[in-house]
Amino acid sequence: MPHIVLTPEQAQVVHSASGPVEIRANAGAVLARILPPHEAAIVEEAKRRLASSGPWYSGADVLARLKRLDEIAQGQELTPERVRDLLDRMRAGEAI
């Protein structure tokens, strides 16, 4: 596969960018847009998760669970272990 080796300065621009970097020809035409390494890793992780078999929850399901957890938290302290237990029970279909 053909490749282009960036100068150290160019590589630093890509590495420290907070968003996509445009690669331009001498005349200014955009040839490509690339993601900095930290964003590329996020995209790869998202692709990996999308390819998995789930489980999947709709936005409405997630919001309903968060709302229920908030309601429970109003009456009692929720530790991380308690939240995990409640979420496991919700996933199992138990009415909490």
PDB file of N, CA and C in Angstrom:
ATOM      1  N   MET A   1       0.842  -1.166   0.000  1.00  0.00           N
ATOM      2  CA  MET A   1       0.000   0.000   0.000  1.00  0.00           C
ATOM      3  C   MET A   1       0.892   1.234   0.000  1.00  0.00           C
ATOM      4  N   PRO A   2       0.597   2.199  -0.846  1.00  0.00           N
ATOM      5  CA  PRO A   2       1.390   3.434  -0.841  1.00  0.00           C
ATOM      6  C   PRO A   2       1.224   4.169   0.487  1.00  0.00           C
ATOM      7  N   HIS A   3       2.234   4.883   0.863  1.00  0.00           N
ATOM      8  CA  HIS A   3       2.160   5.657   2.099  1.00  0.00           C
ATOM      9  C   HIS A   3       2.978   6.937   1.980  1.00  0.00           C
ATOM     10  N   ILE A   4       2.688   7.855   2.877  1.00  0.00           N
ATOM     11  CA  ILE A   4       3.409   9.124   2.936  1.00  0.00           C
ATOM     12  C   ILE A   4       3.972   9.247   4.340  1.00  0.00           C
ATOM     13  N   VAL A   5       5.242   9.585   4.445  1.00  0.00           N
ATOM     14  CA  VAL A   5       5.881   9.767   5.747  1.00  0.00           C
ATOM     15  C   VAL A   5       5.834  11.256   6.093  1.00  0.00           C
ATOM     16  N   LEU A   6       5.243  11.561   7.224  1.00  0.00           N
ATOM     17  CA  LEU A   6       5.136  12.946   7.660  1.00  0.00           C
ATOM     18  C   LEU A   6       6.434  13.408   8.307  1.00  0.00           C
ATOM     19  N   THR A   7       6.686  14.683   8.208  1.00  0.00           N
ATOM     20  CA  THR A   7       7.814  15.252   8.946  1.00  0.00           C
ATOM     21  C   THR A   7       7.457  15.215  10.423  1.00  0.00           C
ATOM     22  N   PRO A   8       8.420  15.329  11.309  1.00  0.00           N
ATOM     23  CA  PRO A   8       8.091  15.359  12.739  1.00  0.00           C
ATOM     24  C   PRO A   8       7.078  16.458  13.080  1.00  0.00           C
ATOM     25  N   GLU A   9       7.191  17.617  12.437  1.00  0.00           N
ATOM     26  CA  GLU A   9       6.265  18.711  12.707  1.00  0.00           C
ATOM     27  C   GLU A   9       4.855  18.357  12.250  1.00  0.00           C
ATOM     28  N   GLN A  10       4.747  17.750  11.077  1.00  0.00           N
ATOM     29  CA  GLN A  10       3.434  17.348  10.574  1.00  0.00           C
ATOM     30  C   GLN A  10       2.815  16.267  11.465  1.00  0.00           C
ATOM     31  N   ALA A  11       3.636  15.318  11.872  1.00  0.00           N
ATOM     32  CA  ALA A  11       3.141  14.262  12.756  1.00  0.00           C
ATOM     33  C   ALA A  11       2.646  14.845  14.070  1.00  0.00           C
ATOM     34  N   GLN A  12       3.325  15.867  14.579  1.00  0.00           N
ATOM     35  CA  GLN A  12       2.903  16.506  15.826  1.00  0.00           C
ATOM     36  C   GLN A  12       1.551  17.198  15.655  1.00  0.00           C
ATOM     37  N   VAL A  13       1.324  17.816  14.501  1.00  0.00           N
ATOM     38  CA  VAL A  13       0.021  18.451  14.232  1.00  0.00           C
ATOM     39  C   VAL A  13      -1.082  17.409  14.297  1.00  0.00           C
ATOM     40  N   VAL A  14      -0.882  16.270  13.657  1.00  0.00           N
ATOM     41  CA  VAL A  14      -1.884  15.197  13.663  1.00  0.00           C
ATOM     42  C   VAL A  14      -2.074  14.678  15.081  1.00  0.00           C
ATOM     43  N   HIS A  15      -0.976  14.414  15.764  1.00  0.00           N
ATOM     44  CA  HIS A  15      -1.039  13.820  17.100  1.00  0.00           C
ATOM     45  C   HIS A  15      -1.738  14.732  18.113  1.00  0.00           C
ATOM     46  N   SER A  16      -1.526  16.031  18.015  1.00  0.00           N
ATOM     47  CA  SER A  16      -2.071  16.944  19.013  1.00  0.00           C
ATOM     48  C   SER A  16      -3.407  17.558  18.603  1.00  0.00           C
ATOM     49  N   ALA A  17      -3.915  17.206  17.434  1.00  0.00           N
ATOM     50  CA  ALA A  17      -5.174  17.787  16.964  1.00  0.00           C
ATOM     51  C   ALA A  17      -6.342  17.350  17.844  1.00  0.00           C
ATOM     52  N   SER A  18      -7.304  18.237  18.002  1.00  0.00           N
ATOM     53  CA  SER A  18      -8.496  17.911  18.788  1.00  0.00           C
ATOM     54  C   SER A  18      -9.625  17.424  17.899  1.00  0.00           C
ATOM     55  N   GLY A  19      -9.403  17.368  16.611  1.00  0.00           N
ATOM     56  CA  GLY A  19     -10.408  16.897  15.669  1.00  0.00           C
ATOM     57  C   GLY A  19      -9.743  16.468  14.382  1.00  0.00           C
ATOM     58  N   PRO A  20     -10.545  16.209  13.352  1.00  0.00           N
ATOM     59  CA  PRO A  20      -9.984  15.769  12.077  1.00  0.00           C
ATOM     60  C   PRO A  20      -8.987  16.776  11.515  1.00  0.00           C
ATOM     61  N   VAL A  21      -8.009  16.269  10.784  1.00  0.00           N
ATOM     62  CA  VAL A  21      -6.986  17.098  10.143  1.00  0.00           C
ATOM     63  C   VAL A  21      -7.147  16.941   8.638  1.00  0.00           C
ATOM     64  N   GLU A  22      -7.212  18.064   7.951  1.00  0.00           N
ATOM     65  CA  GLU A  22      -7.294  18.020   6.490  1.00  0.00           C
ATOM     66  C   GLU A  22      -5.896  17.903   5.896  1.00  0.00           C
ATOM     67  N   ILE A  23      -5.759  17.025   4.942  1.00  0.00           N
ATOM     68  CA  ILE A  23      -4.524  16.864   4.184  1.00  0.00           C
ATOM     69  C   ILE A  23      -4.783  17.532   2.836  1.00  0.00           C
ATOM     70  N   ARG A  24      -3.967  18.517   2.496  1.00  0.00           N
ATOM     71  CA  ARG A  24      -4.191  19.298   1.279  1.00  0.00           C
ATOM     72  C   ARG A  24      -3.006  19.192   0.319  1.00  0.00           C
ATOM     73  N   ALA A  25      -3.321  19.315  -0.957  1.00  0.00           N
ATOM     74  CA  ALA A  25      -2.289  19.386  -2.002  1.00  0.00           C
ATOM     75  C   ALA A  25      -1.693  20.791  -1.982  1.00  0.00           C
ATOM     76  N   ASN A  26      -0.579  20.979  -2.680  1.00  0.00           N
ATOM     77  CA  ASN A  26       0.067  22.292  -2.742  1.00  0.00           C
ATOM     78  C   ASN A  26      -0.894  23.394  -3.157  1.00  0.00           C
ATOM     79  N   ALA A  27      -1.808  23.082  -4.074  1.00  0.00           N
ATOM     80  CA  ALA A  27      -2.751  24.085  -4.578  1.00  0.00           C
ATOM     81  C   ALA A  27      -3.891  24.340  -3.593  1.00  0.00           C
ATOM     82  N   GLY A  28      -3.958  23.570  -2.528  1.00  0.00           N
ATOM     83  CA  GLY A  28      -4.979  23.791  -1.508  1.00  0.00           C
ATOM     84  C   GLY A  28      -6.151  22.836  -1.552  1.00  0.00           C
ATOM     85  N   ALA A  29      -6.237  21.988  -2.558  1.00  0.00           N
ATOM     86  CA  ALA A  29      -7.346  21.040  -2.652  1.00  0.00           C
ATOM     87  C   ALA A  29      -7.256  20.010  -1.526  1.00  0.00           C
ATOM     88  N   VAL A  30      -8.383  19.727  -0.890  1.00  0.00           N
ATOM     89  CA  VAL A  30      -8.421  18.729   0.180  1.00  0.00           C
ATOM     90  C   VAL A  30      -8.299  17.339  -0.440  1.00  0.00           C
ATOM     91  N   LEU A  31      -7.292  16.605   0.008  1.00  0.00           N
ATOM     92  CA  LEU A  31      -7.069  15.239  -0.475  1.00  0.00           C
ATOM     93  C   LEU A  31      -7.692  14.208   0.459  1.00  0.00           C
ATOM     94  N   ALA A  32      -7.684  14.517   1.750  1.00  0.00           N
ATOM     95  CA  ALA A  32      -8.212  13.570   2.735  1.00  0.00           C
ATOM     96  C   ALA A  32      -8.415  14.282   4.059  1.00  0.00           C
ATOM     97  N   ARG A  33      -9.186  13.653   4.908  1.00  0.00           N
ATOM     98  CA  ARG A  33      -9.332  14.090   6.294  1.00  0.00           C
ATOM     99  C   ARG A  33      -8.989  12.877   7.154  1.00  0.00           C
ATOM    100  N   ILE A  34      -8.120  13.082   8.114  1.00  0.00           N
ATOM    101  CA  ILE A  34      -7.731  11.967   8.981  1.00  0.00           C
ATOM    102  C   ILE A  34      -8.008  12.328  10.434  1.00  0.00           C
ATOM    103  N   LEU A  35      -8.238  11.302  11.229  1.00  0.00           N
ATOM    104  CA  LEU A  35      -8.480  11.497  12.649  1.00  0.00           C
ATOM    105  C   LEU A  35      -7.169  11.414  13.410  1.00  0.00           C
ATOM    106  N   PRO A  36      -7.035  12.207  14.475  1.00  0.00           N
ATOM    107  CA  PRO A  36      -5.861  12.041  15.326  1.00  0.00           C
ATOM    108  C   PRO A  36      -5.937  10.667  16.000  1.00  0.00           C
ATOM    109  N   PRO A  37      -4.804  10.123  16.442  1.00  0.00           N
ATOM    110  CA  PRO A  37      -4.789   8.758  16.990  1.00  0.00           C
ATOM    111  C   PRO A  37      -5.812   8.502  18.087  1.00  0.00           C
ATOM    112  N   HIS A  38      -6.008   9.449  19.014  1.00  0.00           N
ATOM    113  CA  HIS A  38      -6.957   9.186  20.104  1.00  0.00           C
ATOM    114  C   HIS A  38      -8.386   9.086  19.588  1.00  0.00           C
ATOM    115  N   GLU A  39      -8.748   9.865  18.576  1.00  0.00           N
ATOM    116  CA  GLU A  39     -10.092   9.758  18.008  1.00  0.00           C
ATOM    117  C   GLU A  39     -10.226   8.507  17.162  1.00  0.00           C
ATOM    118  N   ALA A  40      -9.185   8.145  16.455  1.00  0.00           N
ATOM    119  CA  ALA A  40      -9.223   6.926  15.646  1.00  0.00           C
ATOM    120  C   ALA A  40      -9.463   5.714  16.543  1.00  0.00           C
ATOM    121  N   ALA A  41      -8.865   5.711  17.726  1.00  0.00           N
ATOM    122  CA  ALA A  41      -9.061   4.599  18.666  1.00  0.00           C
ATOM    123  C   ALA A  41     -10.509   4.548  19.135  1.00  0.00           C
ATOM    124  N   ILE A  42     -11.114   5.706  19.350  1.00  0.00           N
ATOM    125  CA  ILE A  42     -12.525   5.758  19.770  1.00  0.00           C
ATOM    126  C   ILE A  42     -13.418   5.207  18.662  1.00  0.00           C
ATOM    127  N   VAL A  43     -13.136   5.588  17.425  1.00  0.00           N
ATOM    128  CA  VAL A  43     -13.923   5.106  16.290  1.00  0.00           C
ATOM    129  C   VAL A  43     -13.781   3.589  16.162  1.00  0.00           C
ATOM    130  N   GLU A  44     -12.579   3.075  16.301  1.00  0.00           N
ATOM    131  CA  GLU A  44     -12.360   1.624  16.212  1.00  0.00           C
ATOM    132  C   GLU A  44     -13.117   0.883  17.309  1.00  0.00           C
ATOM    133  N   GLU A  45     -13.109   1.426  18.523  1.00  0.00           N
ATOM    134  CA  GLU A  45     -13.845   0.798  19.622  1.00  0.00           C
ATOM    135  C   GLU A  45     -15.343   0.822  19.349  1.00  0.00           C
ATOM    136  N   ALA A  46     -15.848   1.920  18.820  1.00  0.00           N
ATOM    137  CA  ALA A  46     -17.274   2.007  18.491  1.00  0.00           C
ATOM    138  C   ALA A  46     -17.640   0.985  17.416  1.00  0.00           C
ATOM    139  N   LYS A  47     -16.788   0.840  16.409  1.00  0.00           N
ATOM    140  CA  LYS A  47     -17.036  -0.158  15.365  1.00  0.00           C
ATOM    141  C   LYS A  47     -17.038  -1.564  15.945  1.00  0.00           C
ATOM    142  N   ARG A  48     -16.100  -1.831  16.857  1.00  0.00           N
ATOM    143  CA  ARG A  48     -16.042  -3.156  17.481  1.00  0.00           C
ATOM    144  C   ARG A  48     -17.331  -3.435  18.257  1.00  0.00           C
ATOM    145  N   ARG A  49     -17.794  -2.437  19.000  1.00  0.00           N
ATOM    146  CA  ARG A  49     -19.024  -2.621  19.781  1.00  0.00           C
ATOM    147  C   ARG A  49     -20.240  -2.806  18.876  1.00  0.00           C
ATOM    148  N   LEU A  50     -20.292  -2.052  17.778  1.00  0.00           N
ATOM    149  CA  LEU A  50     -21.417  -2.201  16.853  1.00  0.00           C
ATOM    150  C   LEU A  50     -21.458  -3.593  16.237  1.00  0.00           C
ATOM    151  N   ALA A  51     -20.292  -4.190  16.042  1.00  0.00           N
ATOM    152  CA  ALA A  51     -20.227  -5.525  15.443  1.00  0.00           C
ATOM    153  C   ALA A  51     -20.553  -6.624  16.444  1.00  0.00           C
ATOM    154  N   SER A  52     -20.604  -6.286  17.731  1.00  0.00           N
ATOM    155  CA  SER A  52     -20.879  -7.314  18.742  1.00  0.00           C
ATOM    156  C   SER A  52     -22.355  -7.700  18.724  1.00  0.00           C
ATOM    157  N   SER A  53     -22.672  -8.765  19.401  1.00  0.00           N
ATOM    158  CA  SER A  53     -24.042  -9.276  19.400  1.00  0.00           C
ATOM    159  C   SER A  53     -24.922  -8.625  20.462  1.00  0.00           C
ATOM    160  N   GLY A  54     -24.422  -7.661  21.169  1.00  0.00           N
ATOM    161  CA  GLY A  54     -25.260  -6.947  22.141  1.00  0.00           C
ATOM    162  C   GLY A  54     -24.914  -7.336  23.554  1.00  0.00           C
ATOM    163  N   PRO A  55     -25.753  -7.132  24.503  1.00  0.00           N
ATOM    164  CA  PRO A  55     -27.144  -6.698  24.358  1.00  0.00           C
ATOM    165  C   PRO A  55     -27.244  -5.232  23.967  1.00  0.00           C
ATOM    166  N   TRP A  56     -28.379  -4.886  23.340  1.00  0.00           N
ATOM    167  CA  TRP A  56     -28.630  -3.531  22.886  1.00  0.00           C
ATOM    168  C   TRP A  56     -29.833  -2.967  23.633  1.00  0.00           C
ATOM    169  N   TYR A  57     -29.794  -1.688  23.942  1.00  0.00           N
ATOM    170  CA  TYR A  57     -30.888  -1.010  24.624  1.00  0.00           C
ATOM    171  C   TYR A  57     -31.196   0.281  23.890  1.00  0.00           C
ATOM    172  N   SER A  58     -32.470   0.577  23.763  1.00  0.00           N
ATOM    173  CA  SER A  58     -32.858   1.823  23.101  1.00  0.00           C
ATOM    174  C   SER A  58     -32.538   3.003  24.018  1.00  0.00           C
ATOM    175  N   GLY A  59     -32.486   4.178  23.441  1.00  0.00           N
ATOM    176  CA  GLY A  59     -32.276   5.383  24.241  1.00  0.00           C
ATOM    177  C   GLY A  59     -33.359   5.537  25.288  1.00  0.00           C
ATOM    178  N   ALA A  60     -34.602   5.205  24.916  1.00  0.00           N
ATOM    179  CA  ALA A  60     -35.716   5.303  25.864  1.00  0.00           C
ATOM    180  C   ALA A  60     -35.518   4.346  27.035  1.00  0.00           C
ATOM    181  N   ASP A  61     -35.040   3.119  26.749  1.00  0.00           N
ATOM    182  CA  ASP A  61     -34.775   2.154  27.828  1.00  0.00           C
ATOM    183  C   ASP A  61     -33.702   2.674  28.779  1.00  0.00           C
ATOM    184  N   VAL A  62     -32.639   3.221  28.222  1.00  0.00           N
ATOM    185  CA  VAL A  62     -31.545   3.740  29.046  1.00  0.00           C
ATOM    186  C   VAL A  62     -32.042   4.889  29.909  1.00  0.00           C
ATOM    187  N   LEU A  63     -32.790   5.818  29.313  1.00  0.00           N
ATOM    188  CA  LEU A  63     -33.317   6.944  30.086  1.00  0.00           C
ATOM    189  C   LEU A  63     -34.267   6.485  31.188  1.00  0.00           C
ATOM    190  N   ALA A  64     -35.103   5.485  30.894  1.00  0.00           N
ATOM    191  CA  ALA A  64     -36.022   4.964  31.906  1.00  0.00           C
ATOM    192  C   ALA A  64     -35.256   4.339  33.065  1.00  0.00           C
ATOM    193  N   ARG A  65     -34.205   3.610  32.762  1.00  0.00           N
ATOM    194  CA  ARG A  65     -33.399   2.999  33.822  1.00  0.00           C
ATOM    195  C   ARG A  65     -32.682   4.056  34.645  1.00  0.00           C
ATOM    196  N   LEU A  66     -32.139   5.064  33.991  1.00  0.00           N
ATOM    197  CA  LEU A  66     -31.478   6.140  34.735  1.00  0.00           C
ATOM    198  C   LEU A  66     -32.468   6.886  35.614  1.00  0.00           C
ATOM    199  N   LYS A  67     -33.656   7.126  35.080  1.00  0.00           N
ATOM    200  CA  LYS A  67     -34.692   7.810  35.871  1.00  0.00           C
ATOM    201  C   LYS A  67     -35.050   6.981  37.098  1.00  0.00           C
ATOM    202  N   ARG A  68     -35.195   5.678  36.904  1.00  0.00           N
ATOM    203  CA  ARG A  68     -35.539   4.802  38.039  1.00  0.00           C
ATOM    204  C   ARG A  68     -34.408   4.781  39.058  1.00  0.00           C
ATOM    205  N   LEU A  69     -33.178   4.722  38.601  1.00  0.00           N
ATOM    206  CA  LEU A  69     -32.040   4.766  39.525  1.00  0.00           C
ATOM    207  C   LEU A  69     -32.020   6.088  40.292  1.00  0.00           C
ATOM    208  N   ASP A  70     -32.351   7.190  39.616  1.00  0.00           N
ATOM    209  CA  ASP A  70     -32.407   8.489  40.285  1.00  0.00           C
ATOM    210  C   ASP A  70     -33.499   8.500  41.344  1.00  0.00           C
ATOM    211  N   GLU A  71     -34.645   7.924  41.033  1.00  0.00           N
ATOM    212  CA  GLU A  71     -35.742   7.844  42.007  1.00  0.00           C
ATOM    213  C   GLU A  71     -35.316   7.032  43.235  1.00  0.00           C
ATOM    214  N   ILE A  72     -34.656   5.924  43.001  1.00  0.00           N
ATOM    215  CA  ILE A  72     -34.188   5.085  44.108  1.00  0.00           C
ATOM    216  C   ILE A  72     -33.157   5.847  44.934  1.00  0.00           C
ATOM    217  N   ALA A  73     -32.281   6.577  44.265  1.00  0.00           N
ATOM    218  CA  ALA A  73     -31.222   7.328  44.956  1.00  0.00           C
ATOM    219  C   ALA A  73     -31.797   8.423  45.851  1.00  0.00           C
ATOM    220  N   GLN A  74     -32.996   8.893  45.558  1.00  0.00           N
ATOM    221  CA  GLN A  74     -33.618   9.916  46.405  1.00  0.00           C
ATOM    222  C   GLN A  74     -33.940   9.360  47.788  1.00  0.00           C
ATOM    223  N   GLY A  75     -34.156   8.046  47.869  1.00  0.00           N
ATOM    224  CA  GLY A  75     -34.534   7.439  49.140  1.00  0.00           C
ATOM    225  C   GLY A  75     -33.439   6.667  49.834  1.00  0.00           C
ATOM    226  N   GLN A  76     -32.371   6.374  49.147  1.00  0.00           N
ATOM    227  CA  GLN A  76     -31.292   5.594  49.754  1.00  0.00           C
ATOM    228  C   GLN A  76     -29.972   5.859  49.033  1.00  0.00           C
ATOM    229  N   GLU A  77     -28.897   5.603  49.724  1.00  0.00           N
ATOM    230  CA  GLU A  77     -27.582   5.778  49.112  1.00  0.00           C
ATOM    231  C   GLU A  77     -27.318   4.621  48.165  1.00  0.00           C
ATOM    232  N   LEU A  78     -26.830   4.954  46.982  1.00  0.00           N
ATOM    233  CA  LEU A  78     -26.507   3.921  46.001  1.00  0.00           C
ATOM    234  C   LEU A  78     -25.001   3.787  45.865  1.00  0.00           C
ATOM    235  N   THR A  79     -24.514   2.637  46.213  1.00  0.00           N
ATOM    236  CA  THR A  79     -23.105   2.321  46.019  1.00  0.00           C
ATOM    237  C   THR A  79     -22.940   1.750  44.609  1.00  0.00           C
ATOM    238  N   PRO A  80     -21.734   1.730  44.082  1.00  0.00           N
ATOM    239  CA  PRO A  80     -21.540   1.113  42.757  1.00  0.00           C
ATOM    240  C   PRO A  80     -22.034  -0.334  42.705  1.00  0.00           C
ATOM    241  N   GLU A  81     -21.838  -1.062  43.794  1.00  0.00           N
ATOM    242  CA  GLU A  81     -22.286  -2.462  43.842  1.00  0.00           C
ATOM    243  C   GLU A  81     -23.810  -2.539  43.790  1.00  0.00           C
ATOM    244  N   ARG A  82     -24.472  -1.645  44.492  1.00  0.00           N
ATOM    245  CA  ARG A  82     -25.952  -1.623  44.513  1.00  0.00           C
ATOM    246  C   ARG A  82     -26.485  -1.257  43.129  1.00  0.00           C
ATOM    247  N   VAL A  83     -25.859  -0.295  42.467  1.00  0.00           N
ATOM    248  CA  VAL A  83     -26.293   0.088  41.127  1.00  0.00           C
ATOM    249  C   VAL A  83     -26.139  -1.091  40.175  1.00  0.00           C
ATOM    250  N   ARG A  84     -25.009  -1.807  40.250  1.00  0.00           N
ATOM    251  CA  ARG A  84     -24.810  -2.980  39.389  1.00  0.00           C
ATOM    252  C   ARG A  84     -25.891  -4.019  39.641  1.00  0.00           C
ATOM    253  N   ASP A  85     -26.200  -4.250  40.911  1.00  0.00           N
ATOM    254  CA  ASP A  85     -27.238  -5.215  41.258  1.00  0.00           C
ATOM    255  C   ASP A  85     -28.588  -4.789  40.676  1.00  0.00           C
ATOM    256  N   LEU A  86     -28.935  -3.525  40.843  1.00  0.00           N
ATOM    257  CA  LEU A  86     -30.207  -3.039  40.315  1.00  0.00           C
ATOM    258  C   LEU A  86     -30.252  -3.154  38.794  1.00  0.00           C
ATOM    259  N   LEU A  87     -29.170  -2.789  38.129  1.00  0.00           N
ATOM    260  CA  LEU A  87     -29.137  -2.899  36.674  1.00  0.00           C
ATOM    261  C   LEU A  87     -29.243  -4.351  36.214  1.00  0.00           C
ATOM    262  N   ASP A  88     -28.575  -5.255  36.912  1.00  0.00           N
ATOM    263  CA  ASP A  88     -28.682  -6.680  36.574  1.00  0.00           C
ATOM    264  C   ASP A  88     -30.128  -7.152  36.705  1.00  0.00           C
ATOM    265  N   ARG A  89     -30.781  -6.710  37.757  1.00  0.00           N
ATOM    266  CA  ARG A  89     -32.184  -7.088  37.963  1.00  0.00           C
ATOM    267  C   ARG A  89     -33.093  -6.479  36.891  1.00  0.00           C
ATOM    268  N   MET A  90     -32.803  -5.231  36.492  1.00  0.00           N
ATOM    269  CA  MET A  90     -33.571  -4.602  35.424  1.00  0.00           C
ATOM    270  C   MET A  90     -33.386  -5.353  34.112  1.00  0.00           C
ATOM    271  N   ARG A  91     -32.132  -5.735  33.807  1.00  0.00           N
ATOM    272  CA  ARG A  91     -31.844  -6.480  32.587  1.00  0.00           C
ATOM    273  C   ARG A  91     -32.560  -7.824  32.558  1.00  0.00           C
ATOM    274  N   ALA A  92     -32.735  -8.405  33.736  1.00  0.00           N
ATOM    275  CA  ALA A  92     -33.415  -9.687  33.837  1.00  0.00           C
ATOM    276  C   ALA A  92     -34.924  -9.536  33.725  1.00  0.00           C
ATOM    277  N   GLY A  93     -35.406  -8.294  33.636  1.00  0.00           N
ATOM    278  CA  GLY A  93     -36.829  -8.065  33.487  1.00  0.00           C
ATOM    279  C   GLY A  93     -37.583  -7.860  34.781  1.00  0.00           C
ATOM    280  N   GLU A  94     -36.856  -7.835  35.869  1.00  0.00           N
ATOM    281  CA  GLU A  94     -37.502  -7.652  37.171  1.00  0.00           C
ATOM    282  C   GLU A  94     -37.964  -6.199  37.325  1.00  0.00           C
ATOM    283  N   ALA A  95     -39.165  -6.009  37.847  1.00  0.00           N
ATOM    284  CA  ALA A  95     -39.674  -4.655  38.101  1.00  0.00           C
ATOM    285  C   ALA A  95     -38.998  -4.130  39.350  1.00  0.00           C
ATOM    286  N   ILE A  96     -38.319  -3.036  39.226  1.00  0.00           N
ATOM    287  CA  ILE A  96     -37.573  -2.452  40.351  1.00  0.00           C
ATOM    288  C   ILE A  96     -38.299  -1.210  40.815  1.00  0.00           C
TER     289      ILE A  96
END
